[in-house]
Protein backbone atom coordinates (compact mmCIF):
# COMPACT_ATOMS: atom_id res chain seq x y z
CA UNK A 1 8.89 -9.12 -24.02
CA UNK A 2 9.90 -5.76 -22.99
CA UNK A 3 11.54 -5.14 -19.41
CA UNK A 4 10.45 -2.93 -16.59
CA UNK A 5 13.27 -2.36 -14.03
CA UNK A 6 11.72 -2.15 -10.48
CA UNK A 7 13.29 -1.09 -7.20
CA UNK A 8 10.54 -1.89 -4.55
CA UNK A 9 9.89 -0.18 -1.31
CA UNK A 10 11.26 -3.15 0.45
CA UNK A 11 11.51 -6.80 0.50
CA UNK A 12 8.05 -7.93 1.99
CA UNK A 13 5.78 -10.09 -0.22
CA UNK A 14 3.45 -7.15 -1.01
CA UNK A 15 6.23 -4.98 -2.36
CA UNK A 16 8.71 -7.51 -3.80
CA UNK A 17 6.45 -10.37 -4.71
CA UNK A 18 3.14 -9.06 -5.94
CA UNK A 19 4.48 -7.15 -8.87
CA UNK A 20 6.09 -10.38 -10.30
CA UNK A 21 2.86 -12.35 -10.10
CA UNK A 22 0.63 -9.65 -11.26
CA UNK A 23 -0.98 -10.01 -14.80
CA UNK A 24 1.54 -9.36 -17.60
CA UNK A 25 0.83 -6.27 -19.95
CA UNK A 26 3.66 -7.01 -22.44
CA UNK A 27 6.39 -6.50 -19.87
CA UNK A 28 8.79 -8.54 -17.70
CA UNK A 29 9.36 -7.07 -14.19
CA UNK A 30 13.00 -7.20 -13.35
CA UNK A 31 13.79 -6.84 -9.50
CA UNK A 32 17.02 -6.86 -7.59
CA UNK A 33 18.15 -10.06 -6.08
CA UNK A 34 16.60 -10.61 -2.84
CA UNK A 35 19.93 -10.82 -1.19
CA UNK A 36 20.54 -7.26 -1.97
CA UNK A 37 17.46 -6.11 -0.24
CA UNK A 38 17.26 -5.47 3.39
CA UNK A 39 15.29 -7.28 6.19
CA UNK A 40 13.02 -5.25 8.10
CA UNK A 41 15.24 -2.81 10.26
CA UNK A 42 18.47 -4.02 8.44
CA UNK A 43 18.95 -1.66 5.28
CA UNK A 44 19.31 -2.92 1.92
CA UNK A 45 22.80 -2.82 0.51
CA UNK A 46 22.38 0.65 -1.26
CA UNK A 47 25.83 0.57 -3.07
CA UNK A 48 25.30 -2.84 -4.48
CA UNK A 49 21.73 -1.84 -5.67
CA UNK A 50 23.15 1.34 -7.36
CA UNK A 51 25.52 -0.94 -9.21
CA UNK A 52 22.61 -3.32 -10.21
CA UNK A 53 20.46 -0.45 -11.41
CA UNK A 54 23.42 0.92 -13.65
CA UNK A 55 24.02 -2.53 -14.92
CA UNK A 56 20.50 -3.65 -15.72
CA UNK A 57 18.92 -0.09 -16.93
CA UNK A 58 20.37 -0.58 -20.19
CA UNK A 59 18.07 -3.35 -21.20
CA UNK A 60 14.94 -1.59 -19.78
CA UNK A 61 12.43 0.95 -21.25
CA UNK A 62 10.91 1.82 -17.77
CA UNK A 63 12.14 2.09 -14.22
CA UNK A 64 9.94 2.00 -11.17
CA UNK A 65 12.02 3.50 -8.40
CA UNK A 66 11.43 3.52 -4.64
CA UNK A 67 13.71 6.51 -3.32
CA UNK A 68 13.17 5.21 0.17
CA UNK A 69 15.19 1.90 -0.79
CA UNK A 70 17.73 3.80 -2.83
CA UNK A 71 18.49 6.43 -0.38
CA UNK A 72 17.85 4.55 2.94
CA UNK A 73 17.71 1.00 2.33
CA UNK A 74 13.85 0.50 2.72
CA UNK A 75 10.85 1.94 4.43
CA UNK A 76 11.80 0.93 7.85
CA UNK A 77 15.22 2.15 7.65
CA UNK A 78 13.99 5.55 6.64
CA UNK A 79 12.64 5.83 10.19
CA UNK A 80 15.88 4.78 11.99
CA UNK A 81 18.90 6.05 10.25
CA UNK A 82 21.40 8.80 11.61
CA UNK A 83 22.79 9.83 8.23
CA UNK A 84 23.50 13.49 7.12
CA UNK A 85 21.26 15.26 4.46
CA UNK A 86 24.47 15.56 2.32
CA UNK A 87 25.06 11.75 2.51
CA UNK A 88 21.70 10.79 1.66
CA UNK A 89 21.46 13.11 -1.14
CA UNK A 90 24.73 11.57 -2.75
CA UNK A 91 22.62 8.22 -2.93
CA UNK A 92 19.64 9.99 -4.35
CA UNK A 93 21.59 11.64 -6.94
CA UNK A 94 22.23 8.30 -8.62
CA UNK A 95 19.14 9.12 -10.59
CA UNK A 96 21.03 11.93 -12.50
CA UNK A 97 23.64 9.38 -13.48
CA UNK A 98 21.12 6.77 -14.61
CA UNK A 99 19.31 9.46 -16.70
CA UNK A 100 22.62 10.82 -18.28
CA UNK A 101 23.80 7.33 -19.08
CA UNK A 102 20.45 6.10 -20.54
CA UNK A 103 18.63 9.23 -21.70
CA UNK A 104 15.72 7.32 -23.13
CA UNK A 105 15.10 5.55 -19.85
CA UNK A 106 11.73 6.81 -18.39
CA UNK A 107 11.81 7.09 -14.65
CA UNK A 108 8.76 6.76 -12.32
CA UNK A 109 9.47 7.21 -8.69
CA UNK A 110 8.05 7.75 -5.22
CA UNK A 111 9.34 8.81 -1.74
CA UNK A 112 7.31 8.59 1.44
CA UNK A 113 6.57 11.23 4.21
CA UNK A 114 7.59 9.54 7.41
CA UNK A 115 4.75 8.27 9.62
CA UNK A 116 3.96 8.76 13.32
CA UNK A 117 1.89 5.82 14.59
CA UNK A 118 -0.71 6.31 17.49
CA UNK A 119 0.61 3.32 19.55
CA UNK A 120 3.62 2.40 21.54
CA UNK A 121 5.38 -0.36 19.85
CA UNK A 122 9.10 -0.59 18.33
CA UNK A 123 8.46 -3.43 15.87
CA UNK A 124 8.90 -0.92 12.85
CA UNK A 125 10.09 2.21 14.71
CA UNK A 126 13.09 3.28 16.99
CA UNK A 127 13.45 1.35 20.15
CA UNK A 128 12.26 4.16 22.29
CA UNK A 129 8.88 4.07 20.46
CA UNK A 130 7.92 1.13 22.51
CA UNK A 131 7.84 3.20 25.60
CA UNK A 132 6.92 6.83 24.22
CA UNK A 133 5.26 6.17 20.94
CA UNK A 134 1.76 7.13 22.13
CA UNK A 135 2.95 10.16 23.70
CA UNK A 136 5.13 11.11 20.61
CA UNK A 137 2.02 10.78 18.24
CA UNK A 138 -0.08 12.83 20.88
CA UNK A 139 2.66 15.38 21.17
CA UNK A 140 2.72 16.00 17.23
CA UNK A 141 -1.18 16.07 17.20
CA UNK A 142 -1.45 18.54 19.93
CA UNK A 143 1.43 20.76 18.45
CA UNK A 144 -0.38 20.81 15.25
CA UNK A 145 -3.84 21.62 16.69
CA UNK A 146 -2.17 24.27 18.88
CA UNK A 147 -0.71 25.97 15.79
CA UNK A 148 -4.17 25.94 14.24
CA UNK A 149 -5.82 27.48 17.38
CA UNK A 150 -8.01 24.59 17.97
CA UNK A 151 -6.52 22.76 21.05
CA UNK A 152 -9.13 22.27 23.65
CA UNK A 153 -8.45 22.95 27.40
CA UNK A 154 -8.55 19.16 28.17
CA UNK A 155 -6.00 18.53 25.26
CA UNK A 156 -3.90 21.52 26.48
CA UNK A 157 -3.77 19.86 30.02
CA UNK A 158 -2.57 16.54 28.52
CA UNK A 159 -0.04 18.36 26.26
CA UNK A 160 1.58 19.82 29.17
CA UNK A 161 1.67 16.52 31.05
CA UNK A 162 3.16 14.80 27.97
CA UNK A 163 5.80 17.49 27.61
CA UNK A 164 7.27 16.21 30.99
CA UNK A 165 7.15 12.44 30.02
CA UNK A 166 9.03 12.37 26.66
CA UNK A 167 12.81 12.69 27.17
CA UNK A 168 14.37 15.62 25.28
CA UNK A 169 16.92 13.40 23.36
CA UNK A 170 14.08 11.12 22.29
CA UNK A 171 11.93 14.10 20.87
CA UNK A 172 15.00 15.60 19.20
CA UNK A 173 16.04 12.23 17.59
CA UNK A 174 12.41 11.82 16.10
CA UNK A 175 11.95 15.33 14.94
CA UNK A 176 15.48 15.83 13.57
CA UNK A 177 15.16 12.63 11.37
CA UNK A 178 11.79 13.96 9.93
CA UNK A 179 13.59 17.23 9.30
CA UNK A 180 16.47 15.41 7.44
CA UNK A 181 14.02 13.22 5.40
CA UNK A 182 12.04 16.33 4.14
CA UNK A 183 15.15 17.89 3.12
CA UNK A 184 16.12 14.87 1.17
CA UNK A 185 12.63 14.79 -0.34
CA UNK A 186 13.20 18.28 -1.60
CA UNK A 187 16.35 17.18 -3.37
CA UNK A 188 14.44 14.56 -5.03
CA UNK A 189 11.69 17.05 -6.11
CA UNK A 190 14.38 19.21 -7.85
CA UNK A 191 14.84 16.02 -10.12
CA UNK A 192 11.06 16.17 -10.87
CA UNK A 193 11.10 19.93 -11.63
CA UNK A 194 13.90 19.35 -14.24
CA UNK A 195 12.19 16.43 -15.80
CA UNK A 196 14.92 13.79 -14.77
CA UNK A 197 12.09 12.00 -13.00
CA UNK A 198 9.20 11.64 -15.42
CA UNK A 199 6.29 11.08 -12.82
CA UNK A 200 6.51 11.23 -9.01
CA UNK A 201 4.11 10.47 -5.97
CA UNK A 202 4.63 11.31 -2.39
CA UNK A 203 2.71 8.72 -0.30
CA UNK A 204 2.06 9.58 3.31
CA UNK A 205 2.61 6.42 5.42
CA UNK A 206 -0.27 5.91 8.11
CA UNK A 207 -1.70 9.41 8.42
CA UNK A 208 -4.29 11.17 10.39
CA UNK A 209 -5.79 14.71 10.07
CA UNK A 210 -3.36 16.30 12.77
CA UNK A 211 -0.04 15.35 13.81
CA UNK A 212 3.71 15.17 12.50
CA UNK A 213 2.90 13.63 9.17
CA UNK A 214 0.21 16.25 8.43
CA UNK A 215 2.34 19.01 9.38
CA UNK A 216 5.11 17.57 7.04
CA UNK A 217 2.60 17.43 4.27
CA UNK A 218 2.00 21.35 4.72
CA UNK A 219 5.51 22.03 4.19
CA UNK A 220 5.75 19.70 1.25
CA UNK A 221 2.70 21.33 -0.22
CA UNK A 222 4.26 24.71 0.19
CA UNK A 223 7.35 23.55 -1.66
CA UNK A 224 5.28 22.10 -4.56
CA UNK A 225 3.50 25.36 -4.82
CA UNK A 226 6.74 27.51 -4.92
CA UNK A 227 8.10 25.20 -7.47
CA UNK A 228 5.03 25.02 -9.84
CA UNK A 229 4.65 21.22 -8.91
CA UNK A 230 1.34 21.05 -7.27
CA UNK A 231 -0.26 19.56 -10.43
CA UNK A 232 2.42 17.06 -11.17
CA UNK A 233 3.03 15.53 -7.84
CA UNK A 234 0.12 13.86 -5.82
CA UNK A 235 0.51 13.68 -2.15
CA UNK A 236 -2.00 11.28 -0.46
CA UNK A 237 -2.27 8.34 2.09
CA UNK A 238 -0.43 5.42 0.68
CA UNK A 239 2.84 3.38 1.13
CA UNK A 240 2.69 -0.38 0.18
CA UNK A 241 0.56 0.28 -2.79
CA UNK A 242 2.55 3.02 -4.37
CA UNK A 243 4.88 0.66 -6.33
CA UNK A 244 1.76 -0.79 -8.08
CA UNK A 245 0.50 2.79 -8.79
CA UNK A 246 3.81 3.70 -10.52
CA UNK A 247 3.88 0.48 -12.57
CA UNK A 248 0.29 1.13 -13.56
CA UNK A 249 1.40 4.64 -14.39
CA UNK A 250 4.46 3.52 -16.43
CA UNK A 251 2.51 0.98 -18.45
CA UNK A 252 -0.35 3.46 -19.27
CA UNK A 253 2.01 6.03 -20.40
CA UNK A 254 4.21 3.56 -22.36
CA UNK A 255 0.94 2.63 -24.38
CA UNK A 256 -0.06 6.24 -24.61
CA UNK A 257 -3.53 5.82 -23.29
CA UNK A 258 -5.32 6.87 -20.09
CA UNK A 259 -7.87 4.03 -19.11
CA UNK A 260 -11.07 5.63 -17.97
CA UNK A 261 -12.35 4.55 -14.50
CA UNK A 262 -15.82 4.90 -13.27
CA UNK A 263 -16.22 4.54 -9.39
CA UNK A 264 -19.25 3.07 -7.73
CA UNK A 265 -19.72 2.91 -4.00
CA UNK A 266 -21.96 0.21 -2.20
CA UNK A 267 -23.05 3.09 0.05
CA UNK A 268 -23.96 6.53 -0.97
CA UNK A 269 -22.20 7.87 2.11
CA UNK A 270 -19.19 5.75 1.38
CA UNK A 271 -17.46 8.38 -0.80
CA UNK A 272 -17.21 10.62 2.28
CA UNK A 273 -15.94 8.18 4.80
CA UNK A 274 -12.51 8.77 6.21
CA UNK A 275 -10.77 5.33 6.26
CA UNK A 276 -8.74 4.09 9.17
CA UNK A 277 -5.21 5.11 9.24
CA UNK A 278 -5.87 8.00 6.71
CA UNK A 279 -6.50 11.75 6.72
CA UNK A 280 -9.13 12.42 4.29
CA UNK A 281 -12.29 11.17 2.76
CA UNK A 282 -11.92 7.86 0.60
CA UNK A 283 -13.00 9.80 -2.52
CA UNK A 284 -10.40 12.33 -2.45
CA UNK A 285 -7.51 9.61 -1.94
CA UNK A 286 -9.22 7.53 -4.91
CA UNK A 287 -8.93 10.68 -7.24
CA UNK A 288 -5.42 10.97 -6.37
CA UNK A 289 -4.63 7.43 -7.10
CA UNK A 290 -6.44 7.36 -10.40
CA UNK A 291 -4.54 10.33 -11.48
CA UNK A 292 -1.20 9.09 -10.17
CA UNK A 293 -1.62 5.80 -12.04
CA UNK A 294 -2.15 7.59 -15.45
CA UNK A 295 -5.77 6.85 -15.61
CA UNK A 296 -8.61 9.28 -16.00
CA UNK A 297 -11.83 9.44 -13.81
CA UNK A 298 -15.20 9.54 -15.49
CA UNK A 299 -18.56 9.71 -14.24
CA UNK A 300 -20.55 7.32 -16.44
CA UNK A 301 -20.21 3.53 -16.59
CA UNK A 302 -20.95 3.66 -20.37
CA UNK A 303 -17.75 5.70 -21.24
CA UNK A 304 -15.59 3.79 -18.91
CA UNK A 305 -12.93 1.23 -19.55
CA UNK A 306 -12.82 0.08 -15.96
CA UNK A 307 -15.51 -0.02 -13.11
CA UNK A 308 -13.81 0.27 -9.55
CA UNK A 309 -16.59 -1.02 -7.31
CA UNK A 310 -15.92 -0.02 -3.74
CA UNK A 311 -17.45 -1.77 -1.11
CA UNK A 312 -17.85 0.34 1.84
CA UNK A 313 -20.52 1.36 4.39
CA UNK A 314 -21.59 4.58 5.61
CA UNK A 315 -19.03 4.79 8.25
CA UNK A 316 -15.81 3.11 8.96
CA UNK A 317 -15.71 1.11 12.00
CA UNK A 318 -12.49 -0.57 13.37
CA UNK A 319 -13.30 -3.94 15.17
CA UNK A 320 -16.98 -3.02 15.49
CA UNK A 321 -19.54 -4.91 17.65
CA UNK A 322 -22.40 -6.32 15.45
CA UNK A 323 -24.91 -3.97 16.70
CA UNK A 324 -22.83 -0.96 15.65
CA UNK A 325 -23.03 -2.19 12.07
CA UNK A 326 -26.66 -2.12 11.50
CA UNK A 327 -26.95 1.49 10.35
CA UNK A 328 -23.77 2.00 8.38
CA UNK A 329 -23.57 -1.53 6.67
CA UNK A 330 -27.25 -2.86 6.63
CA UNK A 331 -29.23 0.26 6.22
CA UNK A 332 -26.92 2.78 4.38
CA UNK A 333 -25.31 0.10 2.09
CA UNK A 334 -27.22 -1.47 -0.88
CA UNK A 335 -25.50 -4.76 -1.99
CA UNK A 336 -28.39 -5.68 -4.45
CA UNK A 337 -27.73 -2.54 -6.56
CA UNK A 338 -23.84 -2.77 -6.02
CA UNK A 339 -23.99 -6.41 -7.36
CA UNK A 340 -26.26 -5.32 -10.23
CA UNK A 341 -23.85 -2.48 -11.29
CA UNK A 342 -21.02 -5.17 -11.36
CA UNK A 343 -23.00 -7.51 -13.56
CA UNK A 344 -24.13 -4.68 -15.86
CA UNK A 345 -20.45 -3.51 -16.28
CA UNK A 346 -19.40 -7.18 -17.12
CA UNK A 347 -22.16 -7.51 -19.67
CA UNK A 348 -20.89 -4.39 -21.26
CA UNK A 349 -17.23 -5.86 -21.53
CA UNK A 350 -15.88 -3.47 -18.90
CA UNK A 351 -12.92 -4.48 -16.68
CA UNK A 352 -14.30 -4.69 -13.07
CA UNK A 353 -12.25 -4.42 -10.17
CA UNK A 354 -13.59 -4.78 -6.38
CA UNK A 355 -11.92 -2.70 -3.75
CA UNK A 356 -13.15 -4.29 -0.50
CA UNK A 357 -12.50 -1.50 2.14
CA UNK A 358 -15.53 -1.99 4.33
CA UNK A 359 -13.25 -3.12 7.14
CA UNK A 360 -9.47 -2.22 7.62
CA UNK A 361 -7.05 -5.32 7.17
CA UNK A 362 -9.31 -7.73 5.75
CA UNK A 363 -12.18 -8.77 3.73
CA UNK A 364 -15.95 -8.46 4.21
CA UNK A 365 -17.21 -11.89 4.43
CA UNK A 366 -20.77 -10.91 3.57
CA UNK A 367 -19.54 -9.59 0.42
CA UNK A 368 -17.41 -12.53 -0.30
CA UNK A 369 -20.55 -14.76 0.46
CA UNK A 370 -22.60 -12.79 -2.23
CA UNK A 371 -19.74 -12.78 -4.84
CA UNK A 372 -19.52 -16.64 -4.33
CA UNK A 373 -23.24 -17.37 -4.54
CA UNK A 374 -23.41 -15.17 -7.63
CA UNK A 375 -20.72 -16.81 -9.35
CA UNK A 376 -18.66 -13.59 -9.54
CA UNK A 377 -15.30 -14.64 -7.87
CA UNK A 378 -13.53 -15.47 -11.13
CA UNK A 379 -15.63 -13.28 -13.37
CA UNK A 380 -14.43 -9.99 -12.05
CA UNK A 381 -11.06 -8.95 -13.16
CA UNK A 382 -9.71 -7.54 -9.80
CA UNK A 383 -9.99 -7.90 -6.11
CA UNK A 384 -8.16 -6.81 -3.10
CA UNK A 385 -8.94 -6.32 0.60
CA UNK A 386 -5.53 -6.09 2.59
CA UNK A 387 -4.18 -3.55 5.18
CA UNK A 388 -5.21 -0.03 4.62
CA UNK A 389 -7.85 1.48 2.15
CA UNK A 390 -5.23 2.80 0.01
CA UNK A 391 -3.21 -0.29 -0.13
CA UNK A 392 -6.23 -2.27 -1.28
CA UNK A 393 -7.39 0.26 -3.98
CA UNK A 394 -3.99 0.73 -5.46
CA UNK A 395 -3.63 -2.93 -5.87
CA UNK A 396 -6.96 -3.14 -7.54
CA UNK A 397 -6.37 -0.37 -9.91
CA UNK A 398 -3.16 -1.68 -10.89
CA UNK A 399 -4.45 -5.21 -11.48
CA UNK A 400 -7.36 -3.92 -13.73
CA UNK A 401 -4.95 -1.44 -15.67
CA UNK A 402 -2.50 -4.28 -16.42
CA UNK A 403 -5.20 -6.55 -17.54
CA UNK A 404 -6.85 -3.81 -19.55
CA UNK A 405 -3.75 -3.53 -21.72
CA UNK A 406 -2.59 -7.14 -21.75
CA UNK A 407 -5.71 -9.27 -21.62
CA UNK A 408 -3.48 -11.79 -19.77
CA UNK A 409 -6.40 -14.11 -18.74
CA UNK A 410 -4.29 -16.83 -16.95
CA UNK A 411 -1.93 -14.52 -15.11
CA UNK A 412 -5.12 -12.49 -13.95
CA UNK A 413 -6.76 -15.47 -12.67
CA UNK A 414 -3.58 -16.65 -10.77
CA UNK A 415 -3.34 -13.18 -9.04
CA UNK A 416 -7.17 -13.34 -8.22
CA UNK A 417 -6.73 -16.52 -6.71
CA UNK A 418 -3.76 -15.26 -4.73
CA UNK A 419 -5.64 -12.44 -3.62
CA UNK A 420 -8.48 -14.60 -2.21
CA UNK A 421 -5.98 -16.80 -0.44
CA UNK A 422 -4.04 -14.00 1.10
CA UNK A 423 -6.69 -11.36 1.78
CA UNK A 424 -9.65 -13.37 2.52
CA UNK A 425 -8.16 -16.80 3.67
CA UNK A 426 -5.19 -15.42 5.39
CA UNK A 427 -5.98 -11.76 6.46
CA UNK A 428 -9.53 -12.14 7.44
CA UNK A 429 -9.50 -15.72 9.07
CA UNK A 430 -6.20 -17.60 9.49
CA UNK A 431 -4.28 -14.69 11.07
CA UNK A 432 -6.87 -14.41 13.79
CA UNK A 433 -7.01 -18.02 14.23
CA UNK A 434 -3.31 -18.44 14.72
CA UNK A 435 -2.89 -15.39 16.98
CA UNK A 436 -5.26 -17.03 19.17
CA UNK A 437 -4.16 -20.66 18.95
CA UNK A 438 -0.59 -21.53 17.49
CA UNK A 439 0.94 -18.17 18.80
CA UNK A 440 0.33 -18.78 22.50
CA UNK A 441 0.64 -22.67 22.22
CA UNK A 442 4.38 -22.24 21.13
CA UNK A 443 5.24 -19.61 23.48
CA UNK A 444 5.30 -16.79 20.91
CA UNK A 445 3.96 -13.34 20.18
CA UNK A 446 2.20 -11.91 17.07
CA UNK A 447 5.63 -10.04 16.61
CA UNK A 448 8.01 -12.64 17.14
CA UNK A 449 7.25 -16.31 15.91
CA UNK A 450 9.37 -19.38 16.31
CA UNK A 451 11.01 -18.91 12.93
CA UNK A 452 10.30 -17.92 9.40
CA UNK A 453 9.20 -21.77 8.73
CA UNK A 454 8.40 -22.56 12.28
CA UNK A 455 5.34 -24.30 13.95
CA UNK A 456 3.37 -21.21 13.87
CA UNK A 457 3.69 -20.99 9.93
CA UNK A 458 2.90 -24.56 9.58
CA UNK A 459 -0.28 -24.16 11.60
CA UNK A 460 -1.16 -21.21 9.43
CA UNK A 461 -0.59 -23.15 6.34
CA UNK A 462 -2.98 -25.99 7.52
CA UNK A 463 -5.59 -23.82 8.73
CA UNK A 464 -5.46 -21.68 5.52
CA UNK A 465 -5.87 -24.78 3.22
CA UNK A 466 -8.61 -26.15 5.34
CA UNK A 467 -10.45 -22.85 5.44
CA UNK A 468 -10.23 -22.27 1.67
CA UNK A 469 -11.27 -25.86 0.73
CA UNK A 470 -14.20 -25.78 2.98
CA UNK A 471 -15.42 -22.13 2.31
CA UNK A 472 -14.30 -21.47 -1.21
CA UNK A 473 -13.93 -24.78 -3.21
CA UNK A 474 -14.49 -22.92 -6.52
CA UNK A 475 -11.19 -21.23 -5.78
CA UNK A 476 -9.14 -23.92 -4.12
CA UNK A 477 -9.85 -26.51 -6.87
CA UNK A 478 -7.28 -24.49 -8.89
CA UNK A 479 -4.55 -24.44 -6.21
CA UNK A 480 -2.39 -27.69 -6.03
CA UNK A 481 -0.11 -26.69 -3.25
CA UNK A 482 0.62 -23.53 -1.04
CA UNK A 483 3.94 -22.60 0.36
CA UNK A 484 3.86 -20.35 3.38
CA UNK A 485 6.61 -18.38 5.12
CA UNK A 486 6.97 -15.39 7.39
CA UNK A 487 9.71 -13.32 6.11
CA UNK A 488 9.51 -10.72 8.88
CA UNK A 489 8.83 -13.51 11.49
CA UNK A 490 5.38 -12.18 12.49
CA UNK A 491 1.73 -12.76 11.86
CA UNK A 492 0.73 -9.41 10.29
CA UNK A 493 1.84 -10.50 6.82
CA UNK A 494 3.23 -13.96 5.37
CA UNK A 495 4.29 -15.02 2.02
CA UNK A 496 2.20 -17.29 -0.09
CA UNK A 497 3.55 -19.24 -3.06
CA UNK A 498 0.55 -21.07 -4.76
CA UNK A 499 1.01 -23.56 -7.55
CA UNK A 500 -1.92 -23.41 -9.57
CA UNK A 501 -3.65 -25.60 -12.12
CA UNK A 502 -6.25 -25.69 -14.76
CA UNK A 503 -6.74 -22.05 -14.85
């Protein structure tokens, strides 16, 4: 089996673990030893990672490369460092050495545009973000809107108030790091221009139509235009899914075939919905994801290899009340036709992936009930519903792409079962359950548990197993045991290692 060398965005299960349990497509995924990776705000050992890459690249055909990990030591460290542009570029320039040493190595890389969350919380940001985060976000949004001449009088009044709240040194630190990261990104883009890097994506981490991230995107796009890279380098909302997208791209390029993808929405309006934490309509992002993955979007099911069935209503509602859901979810969405399209695609022998993005950060339990009653849970070939819309869709497209090439039935079902335990069992049910029970009972917070394998994690394991056995016995019967841990000692994500049987 051929090898793909992969340096992930960080050590979280979604980035470090998922690629290793996805269906095989004729390749073994080789990751750095976990001890070289960072731990949340602690950067990875970039020197040892550079040595590891140089040593292991000789045995690999393809390299999936997170430049954020190579340069900063991970996604979170990219938001915290105080390094100079020159120092960081020296790390990034290892790519030249890799390509010179192994000229046949094909490099597929990505590098993020730094985010600016709308809330005051320092869990993944500099310490001052706990106090000034919301104001910094608004400062960026109002600065952007003021440049565009669309700032309202009410916003202008608040803008002036915010200017007096954020300390000058705090704003200077935040903005100077953004400027440094942009310059480092431009250095990487030179490697794309001279073909050292074969394919490259710039994901926007947690974006919005206005603000710091959007302004940075404008600068990046101008650089791309000036360097004739606008067609080669997609820029779109993403982060944790980008490693999957580049894995998908590398495999598709290796086999010399662009799988054709037909996109079908549960709601006609769905294509025009702007998902939570993103800055554009979902259809625009999907086009970028399909292109970045080395696939081709087509507009009829008959000519497609893959059906991407997107479950979304006529509007994106974050934590809605039930009465708010009637129009966008009950009236403007047609599940009957949606399920018929899935069944028809399966009857034609198409690969079918369900991107469940009706709600952010978890599954649509109404859809799950229908998939269960129609006996489709393990007949479809891909499913995801975790965190952002882009995270979900990048995962589904990669699973479908790998299955298309490898037809790894057992590996594919294992990953499907994992997704149902993680996305449905944990993200949609168990996380809320332990947030409201085990966390306060043990004197913890959702951002600080009683240990990676403490009482909160034990409670999560017990509830997850109970929930899946009770609600999805047709899935749980394939799971012999579940190991649970919380690498970042918080409830937002946990690691699940499933021991499966009889798949």
